[in-house]
Amino acid sequence: WLEARRLSKDIYSVTAEFPKEEQFGLINQMRRSAISIPSNIAEGCGRNSTNELKHFLTISLGSSYELETQIILSKEFEYITNEQKEQTINQIQEIQRMIMGLYKSNI
């Protein structure tokens, strides 16, 4: 949850540098995906059952894969550098591993 919050802040910073014409396109999508990750972890933890927690963890995981794709596209559109892409994808993949670890644990 904490790492996903950090990722969200990083995505807001990175997308602030994108072209203004992307404000209602890629910027909005990336920010929504990034915010969805910690939000769904938090919502799942606030539920009263393991099944509901797992449901929200899968939503969070899906948002992380969506964001990963958007990062790749951002590089292809030359909105970010290769270094930014690699760093952010590594950050996302670490969060994905944590989410899957929580999902598979005996919650």
N, C-alpha and C. Protein backbone atom coordinates (compact mmCIF):
# COMPACT_ATOMS: atom_id res chain seq x y z
N TRP A 1 0.82 -1.19 0.00
CA TRP A 1 0.00 0.00 0.00
C TRP A 1 0.87 1.25 0.00
N LEU A 2 1.89 1.26 0.85
CA LEU A 2 2.77 2.41 0.93
C LEU A 2 3.55 2.61 -0.37
N GLU A 3 4.09 1.53 -0.92
CA GLU A 3 4.83 1.63 -2.18
C GLU A 3 3.91 2.06 -3.32
N ALA A 4 2.69 1.60 -3.31
CA ALA A 4 1.73 2.00 -4.35
C ALA A 4 1.39 3.48 -4.23
N ARG A 5 1.34 3.99 -3.01
CA ARG A 5 1.12 5.43 -2.83
C ARG A 5 2.29 6.22 -3.38
N ARG A 6 3.50 5.74 -3.14
CA ARG A 6 4.69 6.41 -3.69
C ARG A 6 4.66 6.41 -5.21
N LEU A 7 4.27 5.27 -5.77
CA LEU A 7 4.16 5.17 -7.23
C LEU A 7 3.17 6.20 -7.76
N SER A 8 2.04 6.36 -7.10
CA SER A 8 1.04 7.33 -7.53
C SER A 8 1.62 8.74 -7.58
N LYS A 9 2.35 9.10 -6.55
CA LYS A 9 2.99 10.42 -6.51
C LYS A 9 3.99 10.57 -7.65
N ASP A 10 4.75 9.51 -7.91
CA ASP A 10 5.73 9.55 -9.00
C ASP A 10 5.04 9.71 -10.35
N ILE A 11 3.93 9.02 -10.54
CA ILE A 11 3.19 9.12 -11.81
C ILE A 11 2.66 10.53 -12.01
N TYR A 12 2.18 11.15 -10.95
CA TYR A 12 1.71 12.54 -11.06
C TYR A 12 2.85 13.45 -11.48
N SER A 13 4.03 13.24 -10.92
CA SER A 13 5.19 14.06 -11.28
C SER A 13 5.60 13.85 -12.73
N VAL A 14 5.68 12.60 -13.14
CA VAL A 14 6.09 12.28 -14.51
C VAL A 14 5.10 12.83 -15.53
N THR A 15 3.83 12.64 -15.28
CA THR A 15 2.82 13.07 -16.25
C THR A 15 2.65 14.59 -16.30
N ALA A 16 3.14 15.29 -15.29
CA ALA A 16 3.08 16.75 -15.30
C ALA A 16 3.92 17.32 -16.44
N GLU A 17 4.86 16.52 -16.93
CA GLU A 17 5.74 16.95 -18.01
C GLU A 17 5.22 16.56 -19.40
N PHE A 18 4.12 15.84 -19.46
CA PHE A 18 3.56 15.41 -20.74
C PHE A 18 2.96 16.61 -21.49
N PRO A 19 2.79 16.48 -22.80
CA PRO A 19 2.15 17.56 -23.57
C PRO A 19 0.73 17.83 -23.06
N LYS A 20 0.35 19.08 -23.09
CA LYS A 20 -0.97 19.48 -22.59
C LYS A 20 -2.12 18.78 -23.32
N GLU A 21 -1.92 18.44 -24.59
CA GLU A 21 -3.00 17.77 -25.33
C GLU A 21 -3.31 16.38 -24.78
N GLU A 22 -2.44 15.84 -23.92
CA GLU A 22 -2.68 14.53 -23.31
C GLU A 22 -3.42 14.63 -21.98
N GLN A 23 -3.78 15.84 -21.57
CA GLN A 23 -4.41 16.03 -20.26
C GLN A 23 -5.65 15.16 -20.07
N PHE A 24 -6.47 15.03 -21.08
CA PHE A 24 -7.69 14.24 -20.95
C PHE A 24 -7.54 12.86 -21.59
N GLY A 25 -6.34 12.52 -22.00
CA GLY A 25 -6.06 11.23 -22.59
C GLY A 25 -5.15 10.42 -21.69
N LEU A 26 -3.92 10.28 -22.10
CA LEU A 26 -2.98 9.42 -21.41
C LEU A 26 -2.69 9.88 -19.98
N ILE A 27 -2.58 11.16 -19.76
CA ILE A 27 -2.32 11.66 -18.40
C ILE A 27 -3.42 11.20 -17.46
N ASN A 28 -4.66 11.44 -17.86
CA ASN A 28 -5.80 11.06 -17.02
C ASN A 28 -5.82 9.54 -16.78
N GLN A 29 -5.60 8.76 -17.82
CA GLN A 29 -5.62 7.30 -17.69
C GLN A 29 -4.53 6.81 -16.75
N MET A 30 -3.33 7.35 -16.90
CA MET A 30 -2.21 6.91 -16.07
C MET A 30 -2.44 7.29 -14.61
N ARG A 31 -2.93 8.46 -14.38
CA ARG A 31 -3.18 8.89 -12.99
C ARG A 31 -4.28 8.06 -12.36
N ARG A 32 -5.31 7.77 -13.12
CA ARG A 32 -6.41 6.95 -12.58
C ARG A 32 -5.93 5.53 -12.28
N SER A 33 -5.13 4.97 -13.17
CA SER A 33 -4.58 3.63 -12.95
C SER A 33 -3.71 3.61 -11.70
N ALA A 34 -2.84 4.61 -11.58
CA ALA A 34 -1.92 4.67 -10.45
C ALA A 34 -2.67 4.82 -9.13
N ILE A 35 -3.66 5.69 -9.09
CA ILE A 35 -4.45 5.92 -7.87
C ILE A 35 -5.26 4.67 -7.52
N SER A 36 -5.69 3.94 -8.52
CA SER A 36 -6.49 2.74 -8.31
C SER A 36 -5.74 1.66 -7.53
N ILE A 37 -4.43 1.61 -7.69
CA ILE A 37 -3.65 0.54 -7.05
C ILE A 37 -3.74 0.63 -5.52
N PRO A 38 -3.28 1.72 -4.89
CA PRO A 38 -3.39 1.76 -3.42
C PRO A 38 -4.83 1.88 -2.93
N SER A 39 -5.69 2.50 -3.73
CA SER A 39 -7.08 2.66 -3.32
C SER A 39 -7.77 1.30 -3.17
N ASN A 40 -7.55 0.41 -4.12
CA ASN A 40 -8.18 -0.91 -4.05
C ASN A 40 -7.55 -1.79 -2.98
N ILE A 41 -6.26 -1.62 -2.73
CA ILE A 41 -5.65 -2.34 -1.61
C ILE A 41 -6.30 -1.90 -0.31
N ALA A 42 -6.45 -0.60 -0.14
CA ALA A 42 -7.07 -0.06 1.07
C ALA A 42 -8.51 -0.52 1.22
N GLU A 43 -9.26 -0.45 0.13
CA GLU A 43 -10.66 -0.87 0.20
C GLU A 43 -10.77 -2.34 0.56
N GLY A 44 -9.94 -3.17 -0.05
CA GLY A 44 -9.96 -4.60 0.27
C GLY A 44 -9.63 -4.88 1.72
N CYS A 45 -8.66 -4.14 2.25
CA CYS A 45 -8.28 -4.34 3.66
C CYS A 45 -9.39 -3.89 4.60
N GLY A 46 -10.23 -2.99 4.14
CA GLY A 46 -11.33 -2.51 4.97
C GLY A 46 -12.56 -3.40 4.92
N ARG A 47 -12.54 -4.42 4.12
CA ARG A 47 -13.67 -5.34 4.01
C ARG A 47 -13.61 -6.40 5.10
N ASN A 48 -14.70 -7.11 5.27
CA ASN A 48 -14.81 -8.06 6.37
C ASN A 48 -14.52 -9.50 5.97
N SER A 49 -14.02 -9.72 4.78
CA SER A 49 -13.77 -11.12 4.41
C SER A 49 -12.53 -11.23 3.54
N THR A 50 -11.93 -12.39 3.62
CA THR A 50 -10.75 -12.69 2.82
C THR A 50 -11.09 -12.68 1.34
N ASN A 51 -12.25 -13.19 0.99
CA ASN A 51 -12.65 -13.22 -0.42
C ASN A 51 -12.77 -11.81 -0.99
N GLU A 52 -13.34 -10.91 -0.21
CA GLU A 52 -13.45 -9.53 -0.69
C GLU A 52 -12.08 -8.88 -0.81
N LEU A 53 -11.20 -9.13 0.17
CA LEU A 53 -9.84 -8.59 0.08
C LEU A 53 -9.17 -9.09 -1.20
N LYS A 54 -9.28 -10.38 -1.46
CA LYS A 54 -8.65 -10.94 -2.66
C LYS A 54 -9.25 -10.34 -3.93
N HIS A 55 -10.54 -10.09 -3.92
CA HIS A 55 -11.19 -9.46 -5.07
C HIS A 55 -10.57 -8.09 -5.35
N PHE A 56 -10.43 -7.28 -4.31
CA PHE A 56 -9.88 -5.95 -4.50
C PHE A 56 -8.39 -5.98 -4.83
N LEU A 57 -7.68 -6.99 -4.34
CA LEU A 57 -6.28 -7.14 -4.71
C LEU A 57 -6.15 -7.45 -6.20
N THR A 58 -7.07 -8.25 -6.74
CA THR A 58 -7.01 -8.54 -8.18
C THR A 58 -7.32 -7.29 -9.01
N ILE A 59 -8.20 -6.45 -8.53
CA ILE A 59 -8.48 -5.18 -9.22
C ILE A 59 -7.23 -4.31 -9.19
N SER A 60 -6.59 -4.24 -8.03
CA SER A 60 -5.36 -3.47 -7.89
C SER A 60 -4.28 -3.99 -8.83
N LEU A 61 -4.16 -5.29 -8.90
CA LEU A 61 -3.17 -5.91 -9.78
C LEU A 61 -3.47 -5.57 -11.25
N GLY A 62 -4.74 -5.64 -11.62
CA GLY A 62 -5.13 -5.28 -12.98
C GLY A 62 -4.77 -3.83 -13.31
N SER A 63 -4.98 -2.94 -12.37
CA SER A 63 -4.62 -1.53 -12.58
C SER A 63 -3.12 -1.38 -12.75
N SER A 64 -2.35 -2.19 -12.04
CA SER A 64 -0.89 -2.09 -12.17
C SER A 64 -0.44 -2.54 -13.56
N TYR A 65 -1.08 -3.56 -14.11
CA TYR A 65 -0.73 -4.00 -15.47
C TYR A 65 -1.18 -2.96 -16.51
N GLU A 66 -2.30 -2.33 -16.24
CA GLU A 66 -2.76 -1.25 -17.13
C GLU A 66 -1.73 -0.11 -17.12
N LEU A 67 -1.28 0.27 -15.93
CA LEU A 67 -0.29 1.34 -15.82
C LEU A 67 1.02 0.95 -16.49
N GLU A 68 1.42 -0.30 -16.34
CA GLU A 68 2.65 -0.76 -16.98
C GLU A 68 2.57 -0.58 -18.51
N THR A 69 1.44 -0.91 -19.08
CA THR A 69 1.23 -0.73 -20.52
C THR A 69 1.29 0.75 -20.89
N GLN A 70 0.69 1.59 -20.07
CA GLN A 70 0.68 3.02 -20.35
C GLN A 70 2.09 3.62 -20.26
N ILE A 71 2.91 3.08 -19.39
CA ILE A 71 4.31 3.52 -19.30
C ILE A 71 5.05 3.16 -20.59
N ILE A 72 4.84 1.95 -21.07
CA ILE A 72 5.47 1.51 -22.32
C ILE A 72 5.03 2.41 -23.47
N LEU A 73 3.74 2.71 -23.54
CA LEU A 73 3.24 3.61 -24.58
C LEU A 73 3.83 5.01 -24.45
N SER A 74 3.98 5.48 -23.23
CA SER A 74 4.56 6.80 -23.00
C SER A 74 5.97 6.89 -23.57
N LYS A 75 6.73 5.82 -23.43
CA LYS A 75 8.07 5.77 -24.01
C LYS A 75 7.98 5.75 -25.54
N GLU A 76 7.07 4.95 -26.07
CA GLU A 76 6.91 4.88 -27.53
C GLU A 76 6.49 6.23 -28.12
N PHE A 77 5.72 7.00 -27.36
CA PHE A 77 5.31 8.33 -27.81
C PHE A 77 6.38 9.38 -27.51
N GLU A 78 7.47 8.94 -26.90
CA GLU A 78 8.61 9.79 -26.53
C GLU A 78 8.24 10.86 -25.51
N TYR A 79 7.34 10.52 -24.58
CA TYR A 79 6.98 11.42 -23.49
C TYR A 79 7.90 11.21 -22.29
N ILE A 80 8.52 10.03 -22.20
CA ILE A 80 9.45 9.73 -21.11
C ILE A 80 10.72 9.13 -21.71
N THR A 81 11.77 9.16 -20.92
CA THR A 81 13.04 8.58 -21.34
C THR A 81 13.03 7.07 -21.08
N ASN A 82 13.97 6.38 -21.67
CA ASN A 82 14.10 4.95 -21.42
C ASN A 82 14.41 4.70 -19.94
N GLU A 83 15.21 5.55 -19.35
CA GLU A 83 15.54 5.42 -17.92
C GLU A 83 14.28 5.56 -17.06
N GLN A 84 13.44 6.54 -17.37
CA GLN A 84 12.18 6.71 -16.63
C GLN A 84 11.29 5.48 -16.80
N LYS A 85 11.23 4.98 -18.02
CA LYS A 85 10.42 3.79 -18.30
C LYS A 85 10.90 2.61 -17.46
N GLU A 86 12.19 2.33 -17.52
CA GLU A 86 12.74 1.19 -16.79
C GLU A 86 12.55 1.32 -15.29
N GLN A 87 12.82 2.50 -14.77
CA GLN A 87 12.67 2.72 -13.33
C GLN A 87 11.22 2.53 -12.89
N THR A 88 10.30 3.07 -13.65
CA THR A 88 8.88 2.99 -13.27
C THR A 88 8.36 1.56 -13.43
N ILE A 89 8.75 0.88 -14.48
CA ILE A 89 8.32 -0.51 -14.66
C ILE A 89 8.88 -1.38 -13.54
N ASN A 90 10.11 -1.16 -13.14
CA ASN A 90 10.67 -1.91 -12.01
C ASN A 90 9.87 -1.66 -10.74
N GLN A 91 9.49 -0.41 -10.53
CA GLN A 91 8.68 -0.03 -9.37
C GLN A 91 7.32 -0.74 -9.42
N ILE A 92 6.70 -0.73 -10.58
CA ILE A 92 5.39 -1.38 -10.75
C ILE A 92 5.51 -2.89 -10.52
N GLN A 93 6.53 -3.51 -11.09
CA GLN A 93 6.69 -4.96 -10.95
C GLN A 93 6.96 -5.37 -9.51
N GLU A 94 7.65 -4.53 -8.76
CA GLU A 94 7.86 -4.83 -7.33
C GLU A 94 6.52 -4.77 -6.59
N ILE A 95 5.70 -3.80 -6.92
CA ILE A 95 4.36 -3.70 -6.30
C ILE A 95 3.52 -4.90 -6.69
N GLN A 96 3.60 -5.33 -7.94
CA GLN A 96 2.86 -6.51 -8.39
C GLN A 96 3.27 -7.74 -7.57
N ARG A 97 4.57 -7.89 -7.33
CA ARG A 97 5.04 -9.03 -6.52
C ARG A 97 4.48 -8.95 -5.09
N MET A 98 4.44 -7.75 -4.53
CA MET A 98 3.91 -7.58 -3.18
C MET A 98 2.41 -7.90 -3.12
N ILE A 99 1.69 -7.43 -4.12
CA ILE A 99 0.25 -7.71 -4.16
C ILE A 99 0.02 -9.21 -4.26
N MET A 100 0.76 -9.89 -5.13
CA MET A 100 0.60 -11.34 -5.29
C MET A 100 1.02 -12.08 -4.02
N GLY A 101 2.04 -11.59 -3.35
CA GLY A 101 2.45 -12.18 -2.07
C GLY A 101 1.34 -12.08 -1.04
N LEU A 102 0.71 -10.93 -0.96
CA LEU A 102 -0.41 -10.75 -0.02
C LEU A 102 -1.58 -11.63 -0.43
N TYR A 103 -1.85 -11.69 -1.72
CA TYR A 103 -2.95 -12.51 -2.23
C TYR A 103 -2.76 -13.98 -1.86
N LYS A 104 -1.53 -14.47 -2.00
CA LYS A 104 -1.26 -15.88 -1.75
C LYS A 104 -1.05 -16.23 -0.28
N SER A 105 -0.88 -15.21 0.55
CA SER A 105 -0.63 -15.48 1.97
C SER A 105 -1.90 -15.96 2.66
N ASN A 106 -1.70 -16.49 3.82
CA ASN A 106 -2.86 -16.90 4.65
C ASN A 106 -3.36 -15.69 5.40
N ILE A 107 -4.12 -14.88 4.71
CA ILE A 107 -4.59 -13.61 5.21
C ILE A 107 -5.42 -13.78 6.46
